[in-house]
Amino acid sequence: METIPHHAEKEHPKEKTYIKVALVLAVITGIEIVLSYVDIPDWAIITGLLVLSLIKFIAVVGYFMHLKFDNPALRKPFITGVLLALIVYTIVLVNMLSQNSPSGA
């Protein structure tokens, strides 16, 4: 009988780790709220919110959805989908910003 290679899964974190991650997520959410009230250019707000949202997304997926601790073969399709979504969101954002910008005419 042929043996199928098994990837060693990492041990899942304890409750303390989940609490720490939740606190970091709460702090990031607070920063996002403050950022939305600060008087800075729209592109800076959008960029900041996207970066912070990406950090939160990675933390939630990695810890609360346990993707960080699963077989690496399960991560690849998920990461591919996320990258494709980011590309589509970027194209839509650039298109929206170019339509809303004042023209020289």
PDB file of N, CA and C in Angstrom:
ATOM      1  N   MET A   1       0.842  -1.188   0.000  1.00  0.00           N
ATOM      2  CA  MET A   1       0.000   0.000   0.000  1.00  0.00           C
ATOM      3  C   MET A   1       0.884   1.246   0.000  1.00  0.00           C
ATOM      4  N   GLU A   2       0.520   2.196  -0.829  1.00  0.00           N
ATOM      5  CA  GLU A   2       1.307   3.416  -0.968  1.00  0.00           C
ATOM      6  C   GLU A   2       0.947   4.412   0.127  1.00  0.00           C
ATOM      7  N   THR A   3       1.962   5.012   0.697  1.00  0.00           N
ATOM      8  CA  THR A   3       1.747   5.984   1.754  1.00  0.00           C
ATOM      9  C   THR A   3       1.654   7.382   1.152  1.00  0.00           C
ATOM     10  N   ILE A   4       0.638   8.114   1.527  1.00  0.00           N
ATOM     11  CA  ILE A   4       0.453   9.486   1.061  1.00  0.00           C
ATOM     12  C   ILE A   4       1.206  10.406   2.016  1.00  0.00           C
ATOM     13  N   PRO A   5       2.078  11.281   1.486  1.00  0.00           N
ATOM     14  CA  PRO A   5       2.817  12.176   2.385  1.00  0.00           C
ATOM     15  C   PRO A   5       1.856  13.120   3.107  1.00  0.00           C
ATOM     16  N   HIS A   6       2.099  13.297   4.377  1.00  0.00           N
ATOM     17  CA  HIS A   6       1.233  14.137   5.198  1.00  0.00           C
ATOM     18  C   HIS A   6       2.040  15.339   5.669  1.00  0.00           C
ATOM     19  N   HIS A   7       1.530  16.519   5.408  1.00  0.00           N
ATOM     20  CA  HIS A   7       2.185  17.730   5.885  1.00  0.00           C
ATOM     21  C   HIS A   7       1.846  17.906   7.359  1.00  0.00           C
ATOM     22  N   ALA A   8       2.861  18.180   8.136  1.00  0.00           N
ATOM     23  CA  ALA A   8       2.631  18.398   9.569  1.00  0.00           C
ATOM     24  C   ALA A   8       1.887  19.713   9.758  1.00  0.00           C
ATOM     25  N   GLU A   9       0.759  19.651  10.408  1.00  0.00           N
ATOM     26  CA  GLU A   9      -0.005  20.861  10.673  1.00  0.00           C
ATOM     27  C   GLU A   9       0.516  21.501  11.946  1.00  0.00           C
ATOM     28  N   LYS A  10       0.528  22.813  11.954  1.00  0.00           N
ATOM     29  CA  LYS A  10       0.989  23.538  13.131  1.00  0.00           C
ATOM     30  C   LYS A  10      -0.064  23.436  14.219  1.00  0.00           C
ATOM     31  N   GLU A  11       0.402  23.544  15.448  1.00  0.00           N
ATOM     32  CA  GLU A  11      -0.523  23.505  16.570  1.00  0.00           C
ATOM     33  C   GLU A  11      -1.341  24.794  16.603  1.00  0.00           C
ATOM     34  N   HIS A  12      -2.629  24.654  16.858  1.00  0.00           N
ATOM     35  CA  HIS A  12      -3.504  25.824  16.917  1.00  0.00           C
ATOM     36  C   HIS A  12      -3.189  26.648  18.158  1.00  0.00           C
ATOM     37  N   PRO A  13      -3.362  27.952  18.058  1.00  0.00           N
ATOM     38  CA  PRO A  13      -3.022  28.824  19.187  1.00  0.00           C
ATOM     39  C   PRO A  13      -4.003  28.672  20.344  1.00  0.00           C
ATOM     40  N   LYS A  14      -3.560  29.146  21.476  1.00  0.00           N
ATOM     41  CA  LYS A  14      -4.397  29.132  22.685  1.00  0.00           C
ATOM     42  C   LYS A  14      -5.307  30.363  22.698  1.00  0.00           C
ATOM     43  N   GLU A  15      -6.202  30.398  23.671  1.00  0.00           N
ATOM     44  CA  GLU A  15      -7.165  31.507  23.770  1.00  0.00           C
ATOM     45  C   GLU A  15      -6.481  32.864  23.879  1.00  0.00           C
ATOM     46  N   LYS A  16      -5.342  32.917  24.582  1.00  0.00           N
ATOM     47  CA  LYS A  16      -4.628  34.185  24.743  1.00  0.00           C
ATOM     48  C   LYS A  16      -4.270  34.796  23.384  1.00  0.00           C
ATOM     49  N   THR A  17      -3.867  33.964  22.459  1.00  0.00           N
ATOM     50  CA  THR A  17      -3.491  34.452  21.130  1.00  0.00           C
ATOM     51  C   THR A  17      -4.697  35.051  20.424  1.00  0.00           C
ATOM     52  N   TYR A  18      -5.846  34.383  20.526  1.00  0.00           N
ATOM     53  CA  TYR A  18      -7.057  34.900  19.892  1.00  0.00           C
ATOM     54  C   TYR A  18      -7.467  36.239  20.506  1.00  0.00           C
ATOM     55  N   ILE A  19      -7.300  36.376  21.797  1.00  0.00           N
ATOM     56  CA  ILE A  19      -7.638  37.638  22.466  1.00  0.00           C
ATOM     57  C   ILE A  19      -6.699  38.742  21.996  1.00  0.00           C
ATOM     58  N   LYS A  20      -5.403  38.431  21.882  1.00  0.00           N
ATOM     59  CA  LYS A  20      -4.440  39.421  21.395  1.00  0.00           C
ATOM     60  C   LYS A  20      -4.769  39.853  19.969  1.00  0.00           C
ATOM     61  N   VAL A  21      -5.090  38.878  19.118  1.00  0.00           N
ATOM     62  CA  VAL A  21      -5.442  39.201  17.729  1.00  0.00           C
ATOM     63  C   VAL A  21      -6.700  40.064  17.701  1.00  0.00           C
ATOM     64  N   ALA A  22      -7.686  39.740  18.518  1.00  0.00           N
ATOM     65  CA  ALA A  22      -8.923  40.530  18.573  1.00  0.00           C
ATOM     66  C   ALA A  22      -8.635  41.961  19.025  1.00  0.00           C
ATOM     67  N   LEU A  23      -7.745  42.128  19.987  1.00  0.00           N
ATOM     68  CA  LEU A  23      -7.389  43.473  20.445  1.00  0.00           C
ATOM     69  C   LEU A  23      -6.671  44.260  19.350  1.00  0.00           C
ATOM     70  N   VAL A  24      -5.778  43.600  18.625  1.00  0.00           N
ATOM     71  CA  VAL A  24      -5.095  44.264  17.503  1.00  0.00           C
ATOM     72  C   VAL A  24      -6.111  44.674  16.443  1.00  0.00           C
ATOM     73  N   LEU A  25      -7.073  43.794  16.155  1.00  0.00           N
ATOM     74  CA  LEU A  25      -8.120  44.123  15.184  1.00  0.00           C
ATOM     75  C   LEU A  25      -8.949  45.317  15.652  1.00  0.00           C
ATOM     76  N   ALA A  26      -9.231  45.388  16.941  1.00  0.00           N
ATOM     77  CA  ALA A  26      -9.997  46.523  17.480  1.00  0.00           C
ATOM     78  C   ALA A  26      -9.206  47.822  17.354  1.00  0.00           C
ATOM     79  N   VAL A  27      -7.911  47.765  17.617  1.00  0.00           N
ATOM     80  CA  VAL A  27      -7.067  48.960  17.482  1.00  0.00           C
ATOM     81  C   VAL A  27      -7.018  49.406  16.021  1.00  0.00           C
ATOM     82  N   ILE A  28      -6.862  48.464  15.107  1.00  0.00           N
ATOM     83  CA  ILE A  28      -6.831  48.809  13.681  1.00  0.00           C
ATOM     84  C   ILE A  28      -8.158  49.428  13.256  1.00  0.00           C
ATOM     85  N   THR A  29      -9.265  48.892  13.755  1.00  0.00           N
ATOM     86  CA  THR A  29     -10.581  49.455  13.443  1.00  0.00           C
ATOM     87  C   THR A  29     -10.677  50.886  13.962  1.00  0.00           C
ATOM     88  N   GLY A  30     -10.154  51.137  15.151  1.00  0.00           N
ATOM     89  CA  GLY A  30     -10.131  52.492  15.696  1.00  0.00           C
ATOM     90  C   GLY A  30      -9.326  53.439  14.817  1.00  0.00           C
ATOM     91  N   ILE A  31      -8.186  52.960  14.334  1.00  0.00           N
ATOM     92  CA  ILE A  31      -7.357  53.769  13.436  1.00  0.00           C
ATOM     93  C   ILE A  31      -8.117  54.064  12.141  1.00  0.00           C
ATOM     94  N   GLU A  32      -8.849  53.078  11.636  1.00  0.00           N
ATOM     95  CA  GLU A  32      -9.641  53.286  10.418  1.00  0.00           C
ATOM     96  C   GLU A  32     -10.703  54.367  10.639  1.00  0.00           C
ATOM     97  N   ILE A  33     -11.336  54.350  11.777  1.00  0.00           N
ATOM     98  CA  ILE A  33     -12.369  55.346  12.080  1.00  0.00           C
ATOM     99  C   ILE A  33     -11.748  56.740  12.157  1.00  0.00           C
ATOM    100  N   VAL A  34     -10.634  56.856  12.867  1.00  0.00           N
ATOM    101  CA  VAL A  34      -9.950  58.145  12.977  1.00  0.00           C
ATOM    102  C   VAL A  34      -9.505  58.624  11.600  1.00  0.00           C
ATOM    103  N   LEU A  35      -8.981  57.717  10.801  1.00  0.00           N
ATOM    104  CA  LEU A  35      -8.503  58.062   9.466  1.00  0.00           C
ATOM    105  C   LEU A  35      -9.620  58.634   8.594  1.00  0.00           C
ATOM    106  N   SER A  36     -10.827  58.141   8.787  1.00  0.00           N
ATOM    107  CA  SER A  36     -11.937  58.634   7.970  1.00  0.00           C
ATOM    108  C   SER A  36     -12.355  60.057   8.344  1.00  0.00           C
ATOM    109  N   TYR A  37     -11.956  60.531   9.534  1.00  0.00           N
ATOM    110  CA  TYR A  37     -12.307  61.882   9.958  1.00  0.00           C
ATOM    111  C   TYR A  37     -11.174  62.890   9.751  1.00  0.00           C
ATOM    112  N   VAL A  38      -9.984  62.417   9.455  1.00  0.00           N
ATOM    113  CA  VAL A  38      -8.837  63.308   9.286  1.00  0.00           C
ATOM    114  C   VAL A  38      -8.940  64.019   7.937  1.00  0.00           C
ATOM    115  N   ASP A  39      -8.540  65.275   7.924  1.00  0.00           N
ATOM    116  CA  ASP A  39      -8.618  66.071   6.699  1.00  0.00           C
ATOM    117  C   ASP A  39      -7.345  65.888   5.886  1.00  0.00           C
ATOM    118  N   ILE A  40      -7.314  64.810   5.095  1.00  0.00           N
ATOM    119  CA  ILE A  40      -6.199  64.526   4.199  1.00  0.00           C
ATOM    120  C   ILE A  40      -6.784  64.171   2.835  1.00  0.00           C
ATOM    121  N   PRO A  41      -5.959  64.161   1.792  1.00  0.00           N
ATOM    122  CA  PRO A  41      -6.483  63.859   0.443  1.00  0.00           C
ATOM    123  C   PRO A  41      -7.171  62.490   0.391  1.00  0.00           C
ATOM    124  N   ASP A  42      -8.162  62.409  -0.483  1.00  0.00           N
ATOM    125  CA  ASP A  42      -8.931  61.158  -0.622  1.00  0.00           C
ATOM    126  C   ASP A  42      -8.049  59.958  -0.942  1.00  0.00           C
ATOM    127  N   TRP A  43      -7.053  60.154  -1.817  1.00  0.00           N
ATOM    128  CA  TRP A  43      -6.198  59.030  -2.187  1.00  0.00           C
ATOM    129  C   TRP A  43      -5.459  58.478  -0.972  1.00  0.00           C
ATOM    130  N   ALA A  44      -5.077  59.358  -0.034  1.00  0.00           N
ATOM    131  CA  ALA A  44      -4.365  58.914   1.171  1.00  0.00           C
ATOM    132  C   ALA A  44      -5.300  58.141   2.095  1.00  0.00           C
ATOM    133  N   ILE A  45      -6.540  58.606   2.212  1.00  0.00           N
ATOM    134  CA  ILE A  45      -7.521  57.897   3.041  1.00  0.00           C
ATOM    135  C   ILE A  45      -7.803  56.526   2.445  1.00  0.00           C
ATOM    136  N   ILE A  46      -8.039  56.485   1.143  1.00  0.00           N
ATOM    137  CA  ILE A  46      -8.348  55.213   0.476  1.00  0.00           C
ATOM    138  C   ILE A  46      -7.186  54.244   0.606  1.00  0.00           C
ATOM    139  N   THR A  47      -5.979  54.725   0.375  1.00  0.00           N
ATOM    140  CA  THR A  47      -4.803  53.864   0.483  1.00  0.00           C
ATOM    141  C   THR A  47      -4.640  53.342   1.908  1.00  0.00           C
ATOM    142  N   GLY A  48      -4.774  54.224   2.876  1.00  0.00           N
ATOM    143  CA  GLY A  48      -4.651  53.819   4.274  1.00  0.00           C
ATOM    144  C   GLY A  48      -5.698  52.797   4.676  1.00  0.00           C
ATOM    145  N   LEU A  49      -6.934  53.051   4.273  1.00  0.00           N
ATOM    146  CA  LEU A  49      -8.011  52.112   4.606  1.00  0.00           C
ATOM    147  C   LEU A  49      -7.817  50.760   3.928  1.00  0.00           C
ATOM    148  N   LEU A  50      -7.339  50.765   2.688  1.00  0.00           N
ATOM    149  CA  LEU A  50      -7.086  49.503   1.996  1.00  0.00           C
ATOM    150  C   LEU A  50      -5.980  48.704   2.678  1.00  0.00           C
ATOM    151  N   VAL A  51      -4.909  49.383   3.058  1.00  0.00           N
ATOM    152  CA  VAL A  51      -3.801  48.689   3.729  1.00  0.00           C
ATOM    153  C   VAL A  51      -4.259  48.122   5.071  1.00  0.00           C
ATOM    154  N   LEU A  52      -4.956  48.922   5.846  1.00  0.00           N
ATOM    155  CA  LEU A  52      -5.436  48.454   7.151  1.00  0.00           C
ATOM    156  C   LEU A  52      -6.442  47.312   6.997  1.00  0.00           C
ATOM    157  N   SER A  53      -7.299  47.415   6.000  1.00  0.00           N
ATOM    158  CA  SER A  53      -8.270  46.342   5.754  1.00  0.00           C
ATOM    159  C   SER A  53      -7.575  45.055   5.341  1.00  0.00           C
ATOM    160  N   LEU A  54      -6.534  45.170   4.544  1.00  0.00           N
ATOM    161  CA  LEU A  54      -5.777  43.988   4.133  1.00  0.00           C
ATOM    162  C   LEU A  54      -5.107  43.325   5.341  1.00  0.00           C
ATOM    163  N   ILE A  55      -4.554  44.127   6.232  1.00  0.00           N
ATOM    164  CA  ILE A  55      -3.941  43.580   7.448  1.00  0.00           C
ATOM    165  C   ILE A  55      -4.984  42.854   8.286  1.00  0.00           C
ATOM    166  N   LYS A  56      -6.154  43.463   8.436  1.00  0.00           N
ATOM    167  CA  LYS A  56      -7.230  42.817   9.202  1.00  0.00           C
ATOM    168  C   LYS A  56      -7.687  41.535   8.530  1.00  0.00           C
ATOM    169  N   PHE A  57      -7.814  41.567   7.219  1.00  0.00           N
ATOM    170  CA  PHE A  57      -8.243  40.385   6.475  1.00  0.00           C
ATOM    171  C   PHE A  57      -7.270  39.229   6.687  1.00  0.00           C
ATOM    172  N   ILE A  58      -5.983  39.512   6.571  1.00  0.00           N
ATOM    173  CA  ILE A  58      -4.964  38.476   6.755  1.00  0.00           C
ATOM    174  C   ILE A  58      -5.021  37.912   8.174  1.00  0.00           C
ATOM    175  N   ALA A  59      -5.205  38.771   9.171  1.00  0.00           N
ATOM    176  CA  ALA A  59      -5.279  38.306  10.557  1.00  0.00           C
ATOM    177  C   ALA A  59      -6.507  37.434  10.785  1.00  0.00           C
ATOM    178  N   VAL A  60      -7.647  37.850  10.268  1.00  0.00           N
ATOM    179  CA  VAL A  60      -8.879  37.070  10.461  1.00  0.00           C
ATOM    180  C   VAL A  60      -8.783  35.727   9.761  1.00  0.00           C
ATOM    181  N   VAL A  61      -8.326  35.734   8.526  1.00  0.00           N
ATOM    182  CA  VAL A  61      -8.215  34.488   7.770  1.00  0.00           C
ATOM    183  C   VAL A  61      -7.154  33.577   8.388  1.00  0.00           C
ATOM    184  N   GLY A  62      -6.037  34.158   8.772  1.00  0.00           N
ATOM    185  CA  GLY A  62      -4.949  33.364   9.309  1.00  0.00           C
ATOM    186  C   GLY A  62      -5.255  32.736  10.648  1.00  0.00           C
ATOM    187  N   TYR A  63      -5.889  33.485  11.532  1.00  0.00           N
ATOM    188  CA  TYR A  63      -6.124  32.982  12.888  1.00  0.00           C
ATOM    189  C   TYR A  63      -7.530  32.430  13.081  1.00  0.00           C
ATOM    190  N   PHE A  64      -8.538  33.231  12.804  1.00  0.00           N
ATOM    191  CA  PHE A  64      -9.897  32.805  13.126  1.00  0.00           C
ATOM    192  C   PHE A  64     -10.432  31.765  12.148  1.00  0.00           C
ATOM    193  N   MET A  65      -9.931  31.787  10.901  1.00  0.00           N
ATOM    194  CA  MET A  65     -10.342  30.764   9.938  1.00  0.00           C
ATOM    195  C   MET A  65      -9.299  29.647   9.852  1.00  0.00           C
ATOM    196  N   HIS A  66      -8.253  29.747  10.654  1.00  0.00           N
ATOM    197  CA  HIS A  66      -7.216  28.718  10.806  1.00  0.00           C
ATOM    198  C   HIS A  66      -6.434  28.435   9.533  1.00  0.00           C
ATOM    199  N   LEU A  67      -6.452  29.311   8.558  1.00  0.00           N
ATOM    200  CA  LEU A  67      -5.732  29.067   7.316  1.00  0.00           C
ATOM    201  C   LEU A  67      -4.225  29.011   7.555  1.00  0.00           C
ATOM    202  N   LYS A  68      -3.762  29.756   8.525  1.00  0.00           N
ATOM    203  CA  LYS A  68      -2.335  29.779   8.850  1.00  0.00           C
ATOM    204  C   LYS A  68      -1.840  28.406   9.315  1.00  0.00           C
ATOM    205  N   PHE A  69      -2.727  27.616   9.865  1.00  0.00           N
ATOM    206  CA  PHE A  69      -2.339  26.350  10.472  1.00  0.00           C
ATOM    207  C   PHE A  69      -2.706  25.143   9.616  1.00  0.00           C
ATOM    208  N   ASP A  70      -3.324  25.373   8.466  1.00  0.00           N
ATOM    209  CA  ASP A  70      -3.735  24.278   7.592  1.00  0.00           C
ATOM    210  C   ASP A  70      -2.625  23.901   6.624  1.00  0.00           C
ATOM    211  N   ASN A  71      -2.921  22.895   5.851  1.00  0.00           N
ATOM    212  CA  ASN A  71      -2.018  22.411   4.823  1.00  0.00           C
ATOM    213  C   ASN A  71      -1.741  23.539   3.822  1.00  0.00           C
ATOM    214  N   PRO A  72      -0.464  23.757   3.457  1.00  0.00           N
ATOM    215  CA  PRO A  72      -0.137  24.831   2.499  1.00  0.00           C
ATOM    216  C   PRO A  72      -0.866  24.699   1.162  1.00  0.00           C
ATOM    217  N   ALA A  73      -1.241  23.496   0.766  1.00  0.00           N
ATOM    218  CA  ALA A  73      -1.960  23.312  -0.501  1.00  0.00           C
ATOM    219  C   ALA A  73      -3.327  23.985  -0.457  1.00  0.00           C
ATOM    220  N   LEU A  74      -3.883  24.165   0.720  1.00  0.00           N
ATOM    221  CA  LEU A  74      -5.182  24.831   0.851  1.00  0.00           C
ATOM    222  C   LEU A  74      -5.045  26.346   0.770  1.00  0.00           C
ATOM    223  N   ARG A  75      -3.865  26.846   1.074  1.00  0.00           N
ATOM    224  CA  ARG A  75      -3.642  28.293   1.052  1.00  0.00           C
ATOM    225  C   ARG A  75      -3.529  28.845  -0.366  1.00  0.00           C
ATOM    226  N   LYS A  76      -2.916  28.082  -1.251  1.00  0.00           N
ATOM    227  CA  LYS A  76      -2.628  28.585  -2.598  1.00  0.00           C
ATOM    228  C   LYS A  76      -3.878  29.022  -3.368  1.00  0.00           C
ATOM    229  N   PRO A  77      -4.936  28.213  -3.432  1.00  0.00           N
ATOM    230  CA  PRO A  77      -6.137  28.689  -4.150  1.00  0.00           C
ATOM    231  C   PRO A  77      -6.771  29.906  -3.483  1.00  0.00           C
ATOM    232  N   PHE A  78      -6.720  29.943  -2.173  1.00  0.00           N
ATOM    233  CA  PHE A  78      -7.302  31.073  -1.445  1.00  0.00           C
ATOM    234  C   PHE A  78      -6.529  32.351  -1.748  1.00  0.00           C
ATOM    235  N   ILE A  79      -5.206  32.273  -1.692  1.00  0.00           N
ATOM    236  CA  ILE A  79      -4.375  33.445  -1.958  1.00  0.00           C
ATOM    237  C   ILE A  79      -4.538  33.891  -3.407  1.00  0.00           C
ATOM    238  N   THR A  80      -4.644  32.944  -4.330  1.00  0.00           N
ATOM    239  CA  THR A  80      -4.861  33.284  -5.735  1.00  0.00           C
ATOM    240  C   THR A  80      -6.167  34.065  -5.905  1.00  0.00           C
ATOM    241  N   GLY A  81      -7.226  33.616  -5.253  1.00  0.00           N
ATOM    242  CA  GLY A  81      -8.511  34.318  -5.319  1.00  0.00           C
ATOM    243  C   GLY A  81      -8.427  35.712  -4.742  1.00  0.00           C
ATOM    244  N   VAL A  82      -7.727  35.863  -3.641  1.00  0.00           N
ATOM    245  CA  VAL A  82      -7.575  37.183  -3.018  1.00  0.00           C
ATOM    246  C   VAL A  82      -6.793  38.116  -3.935  1.00  0.00           C
ATOM    247  N   LEU A  83      -5.723  37.610  -4.536  1.00  0.00           N
ATOM    248  CA  LEU A  83      -4.940  38.455  -5.442  1.00  0.00           C
ATOM    249  C   LEU A  83      -5.758  38.886  -6.657  1.00  0.00           C
ATOM    250  N   LEU A  84      -6.546  37.973  -7.204  1.00  0.00           N
ATOM    251  CA  LEU A  84      -7.415  38.335  -8.330  1.00  0.00           C
ATOM    252  C   LEU A  84      -8.442  39.389  -7.916  1.00  0.00           C
ATOM    253  N   ALA A  85      -9.004  39.224  -6.726  1.00  0.00           N
ATOM    254  CA  ALA A  85      -9.968  40.216  -6.233  1.00  0.00           C
ATOM    255  C   ALA A  85      -9.309  41.579  -6.066  1.00  0.00           C
ATOM    256  N   LEU A  86      -8.096  41.616  -5.532  1.00  0.00           N
ATOM    257  CA  LEU A  86      -7.387  42.887  -5.368  1.00  0.00           C
ATOM    258  C   LEU A  86      -7.119  43.549  -6.713  1.00  0.00           C
ATOM    259  N   ILE A  87      -6.777  42.759  -7.713  1.00  0.00           N
ATOM    260  CA  ILE A  87      -6.548  43.312  -9.046  1.00  0.00           C
ATOM    261  C   ILE A  87      -7.834  43.933  -9.588  1.00  0.00           C
ATOM    262  N   VAL A  88      -8.954  43.219  -9.438  1.00  0.00           N
ATOM    263  CA  VAL A  88     -10.238  43.741  -9.916  1.00  0.00           C
ATOM    264  C   VAL A  88     -10.623  45.001  -9.147  1.00  0.00           C
ATOM    265  N   TYR A  89     -10.470  44.991  -7.827  1.00  0.00           N
ATOM    266  CA  TYR A  89     -10.796  46.183  -7.035  1.00  0.00           C
ATOM    267  C   TYR A  89      -9.937  47.370  -7.448  1.00  0.00           C
ATOM    268  N   THR A  90      -8.663  47.122  -7.709  1.00  0.00           N
ATOM    269  CA  THR A  90      -7.767  48.204  -8.120  1.00  0.00           C
ATOM    270  C   THR A  90      -8.192  48.783  -9.466  1.00  0.00           C
ATOM    271  N   ILE A  91      -8.539  47.916 -10.404  1.00  0.00           N
ATOM    272  CA  ILE A  91      -8.994  48.388 -11.720  1.00  0.00           C
ATOM    273  C   ILE A  91     -10.258  49.230 -11.577  1.00  0.00           C
ATOM    274  N   VAL A  92     -11.202  48.771 -10.771  1.00  0.00           N
ATOM    275  CA  VAL A  92     -12.450  49.521 -10.572  1.00  0.00           C
ATOM    276  C   VAL A  92     -12.165  50.859  -9.892  1.00  0.00           C
ATOM    277  N   LEU A  93     -11.281  50.865  -8.886  1.00  0.00           N
ATOM    278  CA  LEU A  93     -10.956  52.105  -8.182  1.00  0.00           C
ATOM    279  C   LEU A  93     -10.304  53.111  -9.123  1.00  0.00           C
ATOM    280  N   VAL A  94      -9.347  52.659  -9.908  1.00  0.00           N
ATOM    281  CA  VAL A  94      -8.679  53.553 -10.858  1.00  0.00           C
ATOM    282  C   VAL A  94      -9.691  54.093 -11.868  1.00  0.00           C
ATOM    283  N   ASN A  95     -10.591  53.241 -12.335  1.00  0.00           N
ATOM    284  CA  ASN A  95     -11.615  53.664 -13.286  1.00  0.00           C
ATOM    285  C   ASN A  95     -12.534  54.713 -12.649  1.00  0.00           C
ATOM    286  N   MET A  96     -12.959  54.468 -11.415  1.00  0.00           N
ATOM    287  CA  MET A  96     -13.842  55.428 -10.742  1.00  0.00           C
ATOM    288  C   MET A  96     -13.142  56.760 -10.513  1.00  0.00           C
ATOM    289  N   LEU A  97     -11.889  56.705 -10.084  1.00  0.00           N
ATOM    290  CA  LEU A  97     -11.157  57.941  -9.818  1.00  0.00           C
ATOM    291  C   LEU A  97     -10.894  58.713 -11.101  1.00  0.00           C
ATOM    292  N   SER A  98     -10.654  58.002 -12.197  1.00  0.00           N
ATOM    293  CA  SER A  98     -10.385  58.698 -13.468  1.00  0.00           C
ATOM    294  C   SER A  98     -11.665  59.334 -14.016  1.00  0.00           C
ATOM    295  N   GLN A  99     -12.821  58.761 -13.744  1.00  0.00           N
ATOM    296  CA  GLN A  99     -14.083  59.338 -14.214  1.00  0.00           C
ATOM    297  C   GLN A  99     -14.497  60.554 -13.391  1.00  0.00           C
ATOM    298  N   ASN A 100     -14.094  60.558 -12.115  1.00  0.00           N
ATOM    299  CA  ASN A 100     -14.485  61.646 -11.225  1.00  0.00           C
ATOM    300  C   ASN A 100     -13.490  62.804 -11.228  1.00  0.00           C
ATOM    301  N   SER A 101     -12.321  62.617 -11.855  1.00  0.00           N
ATOM    302  CA  SER A 101     -11.334  63.689 -11.845  1.00  0.00           C
ATOM    303  C   SER A 101     -11.738  64.783 -12.838  1.00  0.00           C
ATOM    304  N   PRO A 102     -11.458  66.048 -12.483  1.00  0.00           N
ATOM    305  CA  PRO A 102     -11.818  67.132 -13.397  1.00  0.00           C
ATOM    306  C   PRO A 102     -10.953  67.076 -14.647  1.00  0.00           C
ATOM    307  N   SER A 103     -11.582  67.266 -15.784  1.00  0.00           N
ATOM    308  CA  SER A 103     -10.852  67.220 -17.055  1.00  0.00           C
ATOM    309  C   SER A 103     -10.409  68.627 -17.447  1.00  0.00           C
ATOM    310  N   GLY A 104      -9.465  68.681 -18.353  1.00  0.00           N
ATOM    311  CA  GLY A 104      -8.953  69.982 -18.788  1.00  0.00           C
ATOM    312  C   GLY A 104      -9.855  70.687 -19.780  1.00  0.00           C
ATOM    313  N   ALA A 105     -10.965  70.086 -20.177  1.00  0.00           N
ATOM    314  CA  ALA A 105     -11.838  70.680 -21.192  1.00  0.00           C
ATOM    315  C   ALA A 105     -12.786  71.684 -20.615  1.00  0.00           C
TER     316      ALA A 105
END
